[in-house]
Amino acid sequence: MKHLALVALLSGPAAAQTCPPVTDQTAVLDALRKQIREAPNQIAAEPFSSQMWEIWLDAPDEAAQEVLDLGLRQRNNGDYAGAIQSFGKLIKYCPDYAEGFNQRAFTSFLRADYATALQDLDAALRLLPDHVGAQSGRALTLMNMGRTAEARAQMLAALENNPWLSERALVSEGGPLGPRGEDI
């Protein structure tokens, strides 16, 4: 049965089946962000960060999950075009599921298609404004586009939600998004 839903989603019009509403996990994600901020170090924060990713990567239904998983496998195998197509079908089927946009954005980022990645990251953040992965991904995308001031502001916003992000070094003194000194 589940394979029939996947085949219908991949080959037929998305209208043949509708995506259920995305479960509101705001309270759980807020609690996890609080635990991350209170963690004494990155190692202690990691389990909470992993739990956030488990929530984000939990698609609204079985058909959506299968397409998400397919896109992830395709990307991991270097099939970026296939992944983009799969994530596109996921987005068409579940337009309120932020992770579809976030994963397609990451794939576009890996292809150095920063303008497309930025559009998808903006869409993901409209749906989930505190999505730390999309926030840091947006900062990295802006940095690669040469938009340093915007990238720094976005990374600082991400660090408010998770001060232990590995990308935190980018905003430290001497980092590409670090504070700029004054000329003498």
N, C-alpha and C. Protein backbone atom coordinates (compact mmCIF):
# COMPACT_ATOMS: atom_id res chain seq x y z
N MET A 1 0.82 -1.20 0.00
CA MET A 1 0.00 0.00 0.00
C MET A 1 0.86 1.26 0.00
N LYS A 2 1.90 1.25 0.87
CA LYS A 2 2.72 2.46 0.95
C LYS A 2 3.44 2.72 -0.38
N HIS A 3 3.83 1.68 -1.08
CA HIS A 3 4.51 1.90 -2.36
C HIS A 3 3.55 2.46 -3.40
N LEU A 4 2.27 2.11 -3.32
CA LEU A 4 1.29 2.68 -4.24
C LEU A 4 1.14 4.17 -4.00
N ALA A 5 1.16 4.60 -2.74
CA ALA A 5 1.07 6.04 -2.42
C ALA A 5 2.29 6.76 -2.96
N LEU A 6 3.47 6.16 -2.83
CA LEU A 6 4.70 6.77 -3.33
C LEU A 6 4.67 6.88 -4.85
N VAL A 7 4.24 5.81 -5.51
CA VAL A 7 4.17 5.82 -6.97
C VAL A 7 3.19 6.89 -7.43
N ALA A 8 2.04 6.99 -6.76
CA ALA A 8 1.04 8.01 -7.13
C ALA A 8 1.60 9.41 -6.93
N LEU A 9 2.33 9.61 -5.85
CA LEU A 9 2.89 10.93 -5.57
C LEU A 9 3.98 11.28 -6.57
N LEU A 10 4.82 10.32 -6.91
CA LEU A 10 5.91 10.58 -7.84
C LEU A 10 5.46 10.71 -9.28
N SER A 11 4.40 10.01 -9.66
CA SER A 11 4.04 10.00 -11.07
C SER A 11 2.76 10.76 -11.40
N GLY A 12 1.85 10.81 -10.47
CA GLY A 12 0.56 11.43 -10.77
C GLY A 12 0.46 12.83 -10.21
N PRO A 13 -0.64 13.49 -10.51
CA PRO A 13 -0.84 14.83 -9.98
C PRO A 13 -0.98 14.78 -8.46
N ALA A 14 -0.40 15.78 -7.80
CA ALA A 14 -0.44 15.83 -6.34
C ALA A 14 -1.87 15.95 -5.84
N ALA A 15 -2.78 16.45 -6.66
CA ALA A 15 -4.16 16.60 -6.24
C ALA A 15 -4.84 15.26 -6.00
N ALA A 16 -4.29 14.18 -6.57
CA ALA A 16 -4.87 12.87 -6.38
C ALA A 16 -4.82 12.47 -4.91
N GLN A 17 -3.97 13.06 -4.18
CA GLN A 17 -3.80 12.77 -2.77
C GLN A 17 -3.44 14.10 -2.12
N THR A 18 -3.92 14.34 -0.92
CA THR A 18 -3.58 15.59 -0.27
C THR A 18 -2.76 15.33 0.98
N CYS A 19 -1.84 16.22 1.21
CA CYS A 19 -0.97 16.14 2.37
C CYS A 19 -1.76 16.53 3.62
N PRO A 20 -1.63 15.77 4.68
CA PRO A 20 -2.30 16.17 5.92
C PRO A 20 -1.62 17.42 6.50
N PRO A 21 -2.31 18.13 7.38
CA PRO A 21 -1.69 19.31 7.99
C PRO A 21 -0.41 18.93 8.73
N VAL A 22 0.56 19.83 8.69
CA VAL A 22 1.81 19.63 9.40
C VAL A 22 1.53 19.78 10.90
N THR A 23 2.00 18.84 11.70
CA THR A 23 1.80 18.89 13.14
C THR A 23 2.57 20.07 13.74
N ASP A 24 1.90 20.83 14.57
CA ASP A 24 2.54 21.96 15.24
C ASP A 24 3.41 21.45 16.38
N GLN A 25 4.71 21.59 16.20
CA GLN A 25 5.69 21.13 17.19
C GLN A 25 6.37 22.30 17.89
N THR A 26 5.75 23.47 17.85
CA THR A 26 6.37 24.69 18.39
C THR A 26 6.80 24.52 19.84
N ALA A 27 5.93 23.99 20.68
CA ALA A 27 6.25 23.87 22.11
C ALA A 27 7.45 22.94 22.32
N VAL A 28 7.48 21.83 21.60
CA VAL A 28 8.59 20.88 21.75
C VAL A 28 9.89 21.52 21.25
N LEU A 29 9.83 22.19 20.10
CA LEU A 29 11.03 22.83 19.54
C LEU A 29 11.50 23.98 20.45
N ASP A 30 10.58 24.74 21.01
CA ASP A 30 10.96 25.81 21.95
C ASP A 30 11.69 25.22 23.16
N ALA A 31 11.18 24.11 23.69
CA ALA A 31 11.82 23.46 24.84
C ALA A 31 13.21 22.94 24.47
N LEU A 32 13.35 22.38 23.28
CA LEU A 32 14.66 21.89 22.85
C LEU A 32 15.65 23.04 22.67
N ARG A 33 15.19 24.15 22.09
CA ARG A 33 16.08 25.32 21.95
C ARG A 33 16.52 25.83 23.32
N LYS A 34 15.61 25.83 24.27
CA LYS A 34 15.95 26.26 25.64
C LYS A 34 17.03 25.34 26.22
N GLN A 35 16.87 24.03 26.04
CA GLN A 35 17.85 23.08 26.55
C GLN A 35 19.21 23.27 25.86
N ILE A 36 19.19 23.56 24.57
CA ILE A 36 20.44 23.80 23.85
C ILE A 36 21.13 25.04 24.40
N ARG A 37 20.37 26.10 24.60
CA ARG A 37 20.97 27.34 25.12
C ARG A 37 21.54 27.16 26.52
N GLU A 38 20.94 26.28 27.30
CA GLU A 38 21.40 26.04 28.67
C GLU A 38 22.52 25.01 28.75
N ALA A 39 22.79 24.32 27.65
CA ALA A 39 23.85 23.29 27.65
C ALA A 39 25.21 23.94 27.88
N PRO A 40 26.06 23.29 28.66
CA PRO A 40 27.37 23.87 28.97
C PRO A 40 28.38 23.80 27.82
N ASN A 41 28.12 22.93 26.84
CA ASN A 41 29.06 22.79 25.72
C ASN A 41 28.35 22.11 24.54
N GLN A 42 29.07 22.04 23.44
CA GLN A 42 28.50 21.48 22.21
C GLN A 42 28.13 20.01 22.37
N ILE A 43 28.92 19.26 23.09
CA ILE A 43 28.64 17.83 23.27
C ILE A 43 27.33 17.65 24.04
N ALA A 44 27.12 18.45 25.07
CA ALA A 44 25.89 18.36 25.85
C ALA A 44 24.68 18.82 25.04
N ALA A 45 24.88 19.75 24.11
CA ALA A 45 23.78 20.28 23.30
C ALA A 45 23.40 19.34 22.16
N GLU A 46 24.30 18.48 21.73
CA GLU A 46 24.09 17.65 20.55
C GLU A 46 22.82 16.79 20.60
N PRO A 47 22.50 16.13 21.71
CA PRO A 47 21.27 15.33 21.71
C PRO A 47 20.00 16.16 21.45
N PHE A 48 19.97 17.37 21.95
CA PHE A 48 18.81 18.24 21.73
C PHE A 48 18.74 18.68 20.27
N SER A 49 19.89 18.98 19.70
CA SER A 49 19.94 19.34 18.29
C SER A 49 19.48 18.16 17.43
N SER A 50 19.91 16.97 17.77
CA SER A 50 19.49 15.76 17.03
C SER A 50 17.99 15.56 17.12
N GLN A 51 17.42 15.83 18.29
CA GLN A 51 15.97 15.70 18.45
C GLN A 51 15.23 16.71 17.57
N MET A 52 15.79 17.92 17.43
CA MET A 52 15.18 18.90 16.56
C MET A 52 15.16 18.39 15.12
N TRP A 53 16.29 17.83 14.68
CA TRP A 53 16.35 17.30 13.31
C TRP A 53 15.38 16.14 13.12
N GLU A 54 15.19 15.30 14.14
CA GLU A 54 14.22 14.21 14.04
C GLU A 54 12.82 14.77 13.80
N ILE A 55 12.49 15.85 14.49
CA ILE A 55 11.17 16.48 14.31
C ILE A 55 11.05 17.06 12.91
N TRP A 56 12.07 17.82 12.48
CA TRP A 56 12.01 18.45 11.16
C TRP A 56 11.94 17.43 10.04
N LEU A 57 12.63 16.31 10.21
CA LEU A 57 12.69 15.28 9.17
C LEU A 57 11.55 14.27 9.25
N ASP A 58 10.57 14.53 10.12
CA ASP A 58 9.40 13.67 10.24
C ASP A 58 8.29 14.27 9.37
N ALA A 59 8.14 13.73 8.17
CA ALA A 59 7.18 14.26 7.19
C ALA A 59 5.74 14.01 7.65
N PRO A 60 4.81 14.78 7.10
CA PRO A 60 3.41 14.71 7.53
C PRO A 60 2.70 13.37 7.32
N ASP A 61 3.12 12.59 6.35
CA ASP A 61 2.52 11.26 6.17
C ASP A 61 3.55 10.33 5.52
N GLU A 62 3.13 9.09 5.36
CA GLU A 62 4.04 8.06 4.85
C GLU A 62 4.52 8.35 3.42
N ALA A 63 3.62 8.81 2.57
CA ALA A 63 4.01 9.10 1.18
C ALA A 63 5.03 10.23 1.15
N ALA A 64 4.79 11.28 1.93
CA ALA A 64 5.74 12.40 1.98
C ALA A 64 7.08 11.94 2.56
N GLN A 65 7.03 11.09 3.56
CA GLN A 65 8.27 10.59 4.17
C GLN A 65 9.09 9.81 3.17
N GLU A 66 8.42 8.99 2.37
CA GLU A 66 9.14 8.20 1.37
C GLU A 66 9.80 9.10 0.32
N VAL A 67 9.11 10.16 -0.09
CA VAL A 67 9.70 11.07 -1.09
C VAL A 67 10.85 11.85 -0.45
N LEU A 68 10.68 12.29 0.79
CA LEU A 68 11.77 12.97 1.49
C LEU A 68 12.99 12.04 1.59
N ASP A 69 12.76 10.82 2.03
CA ASP A 69 13.87 9.87 2.17
C ASP A 69 14.53 9.57 0.83
N LEU A 70 13.73 9.47 -0.23
CA LEU A 70 14.29 9.26 -1.56
C LEU A 70 15.18 10.44 -1.95
N GLY A 71 14.70 11.66 -1.75
CA GLY A 71 15.50 12.84 -2.06
C GLY A 71 16.80 12.88 -1.28
N LEU A 72 16.73 12.50 -0.01
CA LEU A 72 17.94 12.48 0.82
C LEU A 72 18.94 11.45 0.30
N ARG A 73 18.43 10.26 -0.07
CA ARG A 73 19.31 9.22 -0.63
C ARG A 73 19.92 9.69 -1.94
N GLN A 74 19.10 10.30 -2.78
CA GLN A 74 19.61 10.78 -4.07
C GLN A 74 20.73 11.80 -3.85
N ARG A 75 20.51 12.74 -2.95
CA ARG A 75 21.53 13.76 -2.69
C ARG A 75 22.79 13.11 -2.12
N ASN A 76 22.62 12.20 -1.18
CA ASN A 76 23.78 11.54 -0.57
C ASN A 76 24.58 10.75 -1.60
N ASN A 77 23.91 10.31 -2.66
CA ASN A 77 24.59 9.57 -3.73
C ASN A 77 25.07 10.47 -4.86
N GLY A 78 24.95 11.78 -4.67
CA GLY A 78 25.44 12.72 -5.66
C GLY A 78 24.48 13.00 -6.81
N ASP A 79 23.27 12.47 -6.71
CA ASP A 79 22.26 12.71 -7.75
C ASP A 79 21.48 13.96 -7.37
N TYR A 80 22.11 15.11 -7.56
CA TYR A 80 21.49 16.37 -7.15
C TYR A 80 20.26 16.69 -7.99
N ALA A 81 20.30 16.40 -9.27
CA ALA A 81 19.14 16.67 -10.13
C ALA A 81 17.94 15.84 -9.67
N GLY A 82 18.18 14.57 -9.38
CA GLY A 82 17.10 13.71 -8.88
C GLY A 82 16.57 14.18 -7.54
N ALA A 83 17.47 14.62 -6.67
CA ALA A 83 17.05 15.11 -5.36
C ALA A 83 16.21 16.37 -5.49
N ILE A 84 16.65 17.28 -6.35
CA ILE A 84 15.89 18.51 -6.58
C ILE A 84 14.47 18.15 -7.06
N GLN A 85 14.38 17.19 -7.97
CA GLN A 85 13.08 16.77 -8.50
C GLN A 85 12.22 16.16 -7.39
N SER A 86 12.81 15.29 -6.58
CA SER A 86 12.05 14.67 -5.49
C SER A 86 11.57 15.70 -4.47
N PHE A 87 12.47 16.59 -4.07
CA PHE A 87 12.07 17.62 -3.11
C PHE A 87 11.01 18.55 -3.71
N GLY A 88 11.09 18.79 -5.00
CA GLY A 88 10.07 19.59 -5.67
C GLY A 88 8.70 18.92 -5.60
N LYS A 89 8.66 17.62 -5.80
CA LYS A 89 7.40 16.88 -5.70
C LYS A 89 6.88 16.90 -4.26
N LEU A 90 7.80 16.80 -3.31
CA LEU A 90 7.40 16.88 -1.90
C LEU A 90 6.79 18.24 -1.59
N ILE A 91 7.41 19.30 -2.07
CA ILE A 91 6.92 20.65 -1.85
C ILE A 91 5.55 20.85 -2.50
N LYS A 92 5.39 20.33 -3.69
CA LYS A 92 4.10 20.45 -4.37
C LYS A 92 3.01 19.72 -3.59
N TYR A 93 3.35 18.56 -3.06
CA TYR A 93 2.40 17.75 -2.29
C TYR A 93 2.15 18.35 -0.90
N CYS A 94 3.19 18.80 -0.24
CA CYS A 94 3.10 19.34 1.13
C CYS A 94 3.70 20.74 1.19
N PRO A 95 3.01 21.74 0.65
CA PRO A 95 3.59 23.08 0.59
C PRO A 95 3.77 23.76 1.95
N ASP A 96 3.19 23.20 3.01
CA ASP A 96 3.34 23.77 4.35
C ASP A 96 4.40 23.04 5.18
N TYR A 97 5.11 22.11 4.57
CA TYR A 97 6.15 21.34 5.26
C TYR A 97 7.51 21.99 4.97
N ALA A 98 8.03 22.70 5.94
CA ALA A 98 9.25 23.50 5.77
C ALA A 98 10.45 22.68 5.34
N GLU A 99 10.54 21.45 5.79
CA GLU A 99 11.75 20.68 5.50
C GLU A 99 11.90 20.35 4.03
N GLY A 100 10.81 20.27 3.30
CA GLY A 100 10.92 20.07 1.85
C GLY A 100 11.70 21.22 1.22
N PHE A 101 11.36 22.45 1.61
CA PHE A 101 12.07 23.62 1.11
C PHE A 101 13.52 23.64 1.60
N ASN A 102 13.72 23.30 2.88
CA ASN A 102 15.07 23.34 3.45
C ASN A 102 16.00 22.34 2.76
N GLN A 103 15.50 21.14 2.52
CA GLN A 103 16.34 20.12 1.88
C GLN A 103 16.61 20.45 0.42
N ARG A 104 15.63 21.00 -0.27
CA ARG A 104 15.87 21.41 -1.66
C ARG A 104 16.89 22.55 -1.68
N ALA A 105 16.78 23.46 -0.70
CA ALA A 105 17.74 24.57 -0.61
C ALA A 105 19.16 24.04 -0.40
N PHE A 106 19.31 23.07 0.48
CA PHE A 106 20.65 22.52 0.74
C PHE A 106 21.21 21.88 -0.52
N THR A 107 20.35 21.19 -1.26
CA THR A 107 20.81 20.58 -2.51
C THR A 107 21.23 21.65 -3.51
N SER A 108 20.44 22.71 -3.62
CA SER A 108 20.81 23.82 -4.51
C SER A 108 22.12 24.47 -4.05
N PHE A 109 22.30 24.61 -2.74
CA PHE A 109 23.54 25.16 -2.19
C PHE A 109 24.73 24.29 -2.63
N LEU A 110 24.59 22.99 -2.52
CA LEU A 110 25.67 22.08 -2.91
C LEU A 110 26.00 22.21 -4.40
N ARG A 111 25.02 22.61 -5.19
CA ARG A 111 25.22 22.83 -6.63
C ARG A 111 25.72 24.25 -6.92
N ALA A 112 25.94 25.03 -5.85
CA ALA A 112 26.37 26.43 -5.95
C ALA A 112 25.32 27.30 -6.65
N ASP A 113 24.07 26.88 -6.57
CA ASP A 113 22.95 27.66 -7.10
C ASP A 113 22.37 28.44 -5.91
N TYR A 114 23.09 29.47 -5.51
CA TYR A 114 22.77 30.18 -4.28
C TYR A 114 21.47 30.97 -4.37
N ALA A 115 21.15 31.54 -5.51
CA ALA A 115 19.91 32.31 -5.65
C ALA A 115 18.69 31.40 -5.43
N THR A 116 18.72 30.21 -6.00
CA THR A 116 17.62 29.26 -5.81
C THR A 116 17.58 28.77 -4.38
N ALA A 117 18.74 28.49 -3.81
CA ALA A 117 18.80 28.06 -2.40
C ALA A 117 18.18 29.12 -1.49
N LEU A 118 18.51 30.38 -1.75
CA LEU A 118 18.00 31.47 -0.91
C LEU A 118 16.47 31.55 -0.98
N GLN A 119 15.91 31.37 -2.16
CA GLN A 119 14.44 31.39 -2.29
C GLN A 119 13.80 30.30 -1.45
N ASP A 120 14.37 29.10 -1.51
CA ASP A 120 13.81 27.99 -0.73
C ASP A 120 14.03 28.19 0.77
N LEU A 121 15.17 28.73 1.16
CA LEU A 121 15.41 29.00 2.58
C LEU A 121 14.43 30.05 3.10
N ASP A 122 14.16 31.06 2.31
CA ASP A 122 13.18 32.07 2.71
C ASP A 122 11.80 31.42 2.89
N ALA A 123 11.45 30.51 1.99
CA ALA A 123 10.16 29.81 2.10
C ALA A 123 10.12 28.96 3.37
N ALA A 124 11.20 28.23 3.65
CA ALA A 124 11.25 27.40 4.85
C ALA A 124 11.12 28.26 6.11
N LEU A 125 11.79 29.41 6.11
CA LEU A 125 11.75 30.27 7.30
C LEU A 125 10.42 31.01 7.44
N ARG A 126 9.69 31.20 6.36
CA ARG A 126 8.33 31.73 6.48
C ARG A 126 7.45 30.73 7.22
N LEU A 127 7.68 29.45 6.98
CA LEU A 127 6.89 28.40 7.62
C LEU A 127 7.37 28.11 9.05
N LEU A 128 8.67 28.12 9.26
CA LEU A 128 9.26 27.84 10.58
C LEU A 128 10.37 28.87 10.84
N PRO A 129 10.02 30.03 11.36
CA PRO A 129 11.00 31.12 11.52
C PRO A 129 12.22 30.79 12.38
N ASP A 130 12.07 29.85 13.31
CA ASP A 130 13.19 29.51 14.20
C ASP A 130 13.91 28.23 13.79
N HIS A 131 13.76 27.80 12.54
CA HIS A 131 14.43 26.58 12.06
C HIS A 131 15.92 26.89 11.97
N VAL A 132 16.66 26.39 12.94
CA VAL A 132 18.09 26.70 13.06
C VAL A 132 18.86 26.25 11.83
N GLY A 133 18.52 25.11 11.29
CA GLY A 133 19.22 24.62 10.09
C GLY A 133 19.01 25.54 8.91
N ALA A 134 17.77 26.00 8.73
CA ALA A 134 17.49 26.93 7.62
C ALA A 134 18.13 28.29 7.89
N GLN A 135 18.16 28.70 9.15
CA GLN A 135 18.80 29.98 9.48
C GLN A 135 20.30 29.94 9.17
N SER A 136 20.98 28.90 9.61
CA SER A 136 22.42 28.82 9.36
C SER A 136 22.68 28.58 7.87
N GLY A 137 21.82 27.80 7.22
CA GLY A 137 21.97 27.59 5.78
C GLY A 137 21.78 28.89 5.01
N ARG A 138 20.85 29.71 5.45
CA ARG A 138 20.64 31.01 4.82
C ARG A 138 21.87 31.89 5.01
N ALA A 139 22.45 31.86 6.20
CA ALA A 139 23.65 32.65 6.45
C ALA A 139 24.80 32.21 5.54
N LEU A 140 25.00 30.90 5.40
CA LEU A 140 26.06 30.39 4.54
C LEU A 140 25.81 30.75 3.08
N THR A 141 24.53 30.69 2.68
CA THR A 141 24.18 31.04 1.30
C THR A 141 24.48 32.51 1.04
N LEU A 142 24.04 33.38 1.95
CA LEU A 142 24.30 34.82 1.80
C LEU A 142 25.81 35.09 1.78
N MET A 143 26.56 34.39 2.62
CA MET A 143 28.01 34.57 2.64
C MET A 143 28.60 34.22 1.28
N ASN A 144 28.15 33.12 0.70
CA ASN A 144 28.66 32.71 -0.62
C ASN A 144 28.22 33.64 -1.73
N MET A 145 27.18 34.42 -1.48
CA MET A 145 26.72 35.41 -2.46
C MET A 145 27.42 36.75 -2.25
N GLY A 146 28.31 36.83 -1.26
CA GLY A 146 29.02 38.07 -0.99
C GLY A 146 28.22 39.08 -0.18
N ARG A 147 27.12 38.66 0.38
CA ARG A 147 26.25 39.54 1.16
C ARG A 147 26.59 39.38 2.65
N THR A 148 27.78 39.82 3.01
CA THR A 148 28.38 39.55 4.31
C THR A 148 27.58 40.11 5.48
N ALA A 149 27.13 41.34 5.40
CA ALA A 149 26.40 41.94 6.53
C ALA A 149 25.11 41.16 6.80
N GLU A 150 24.38 40.81 5.75
CA GLU A 150 23.16 40.03 5.92
C GLU A 150 23.48 38.64 6.46
N ALA A 151 24.56 38.05 5.96
CA ALA A 151 24.96 36.72 6.41
C ALA A 151 25.30 36.74 7.90
N ARG A 152 26.02 37.76 8.33
CA ARG A 152 26.37 37.87 9.75
C ARG A 152 25.11 38.00 10.60
N ALA A 153 24.20 38.87 10.21
CA ALA A 153 22.95 39.05 10.97
C ALA A 153 22.17 37.75 11.05
N GLN A 154 22.11 37.01 9.95
CA GLN A 154 21.37 35.74 9.93
C GLN A 154 22.06 34.70 10.81
N MET A 155 23.39 34.64 10.76
CA MET A 155 24.09 33.68 11.60
C MET A 155 23.93 34.01 13.08
N LEU A 156 23.95 35.29 13.41
CA LEU A 156 23.73 35.68 14.81
C LEU A 156 22.33 35.28 15.28
N ALA A 157 21.34 35.38 14.40
CA ALA A 157 19.98 34.94 14.74
C ALA A 157 19.96 33.42 14.97
N ALA A 158 20.67 32.68 14.13
CA ALA A 158 20.74 31.23 14.30
C ALA A 158 21.42 30.88 15.62
N LEU A 159 22.47 31.62 15.96
CA LEU A 159 23.20 31.36 17.20
C LEU A 159 22.38 31.70 18.45
N GLU A 160 21.41 32.58 18.31
CA GLU A 160 20.50 32.84 19.43
C GLU A 160 19.68 31.59 19.73
N ASN A 161 19.36 30.83 18.69
CA ASN A 161 18.59 29.59 18.86
C ASN A 161 19.47 28.40 19.22
N ASN A 162 20.72 28.42 18.77
CA ASN A 162 21.66 27.34 19.10
C ASN A 162 23.07 27.92 19.12
N PRO A 163 23.53 28.32 20.31
CA PRO A 163 24.87 28.91 20.41
C PRO A 163 26.00 27.92 20.15
N TRP A 164 25.67 26.64 20.00
CA TRP A 164 26.71 25.62 19.81
C TRP A 164 26.84 25.17 18.36
N LEU A 165 26.22 25.87 17.43
CA LEU A 165 26.37 25.51 16.02
C LEU A 165 27.85 25.46 15.64
N SER A 166 28.21 24.51 14.83
CA SER A 166 29.61 24.41 14.39
C SER A 166 30.02 25.64 13.59
N GLU A 167 29.05 26.30 12.96
CA GLU A 167 29.35 27.49 12.16
C GLU A 167 29.62 28.74 13.00
N ARG A 168 29.56 28.62 14.32
CA ARG A 168 29.74 29.79 15.19
C ARG A 168 31.09 30.47 14.99
N ALA A 169 32.08 29.72 14.57
CA ALA A 169 33.42 30.29 14.34
C ALA A 169 33.40 31.32 13.22
N LEU A 170 32.44 31.23 12.33
CA LEU A 170 32.38 32.17 11.21
C LEU A 170 32.17 33.61 11.68
N VAL A 171 31.50 33.80 12.83
CA VAL A 171 31.22 35.16 13.31
C VAL A 171 32.22 35.62 14.36
N SER A 172 33.21 34.78 14.69
CA SER A 172 34.21 35.22 15.65
C SER A 172 35.21 36.16 15.00
N GLU A 173 35.95 36.81 15.84
CA GLU A 173 36.97 37.74 15.33
C GLU A 173 37.91 37.00 14.39
N GLY A 174 38.10 37.56 13.22
CA GLY A 174 38.95 36.93 12.20
C GLY A 174 38.20 36.02 11.26
N GLY A 175 36.95 35.66 11.62
CA GLY A 175 36.14 34.81 10.76
C GLY A 175 35.55 35.61 9.60
N PRO A 176 35.12 34.93 8.55
CA PRO A 176 34.59 35.64 7.38
C PRO A 176 33.35 36.48 7.69
N LEU A 177 32.64 36.16 8.76
CA LEU A 177 31.47 36.93 9.17
C LEU A 177 31.72 37.64 10.50
N GLY A 178 32.99 37.67 10.91
CA GLY A 178 33.35 38.28 12.19
C GLY A 178 33.22 39.78 12.18
N PRO A 179 33.30 40.36 13.37
CA PRO A 179 33.21 41.84 13.46
C PRO A 179 34.37 42.48 12.71
N ARG A 180 34.07 43.58 12.10
CA ARG A 180 35.09 44.32 11.36
C ARG A 180 35.66 45.39 12.26
N GLY A 181 36.97 45.45 12.30
CA GLY A 181 37.64 46.47 13.11
C GLY A 181 37.55 47.85 12.45
N GLU A 182 37.84 48.83 13.23
CA GLU A 182 37.83 50.19 12.70
C GLU A 182 39.21 50.55 12.19
N ASP A 183 39.23 51.29 11.10
CA ASP A 183 40.51 51.76 10.56
C ASP A 183 41.08 52.82 11.49
N ILE A 184 42.38 52.82 11.58
CA ILE A 184 43.05 53.83 12.40
C ILE A 184 43.32 55.07 11.59
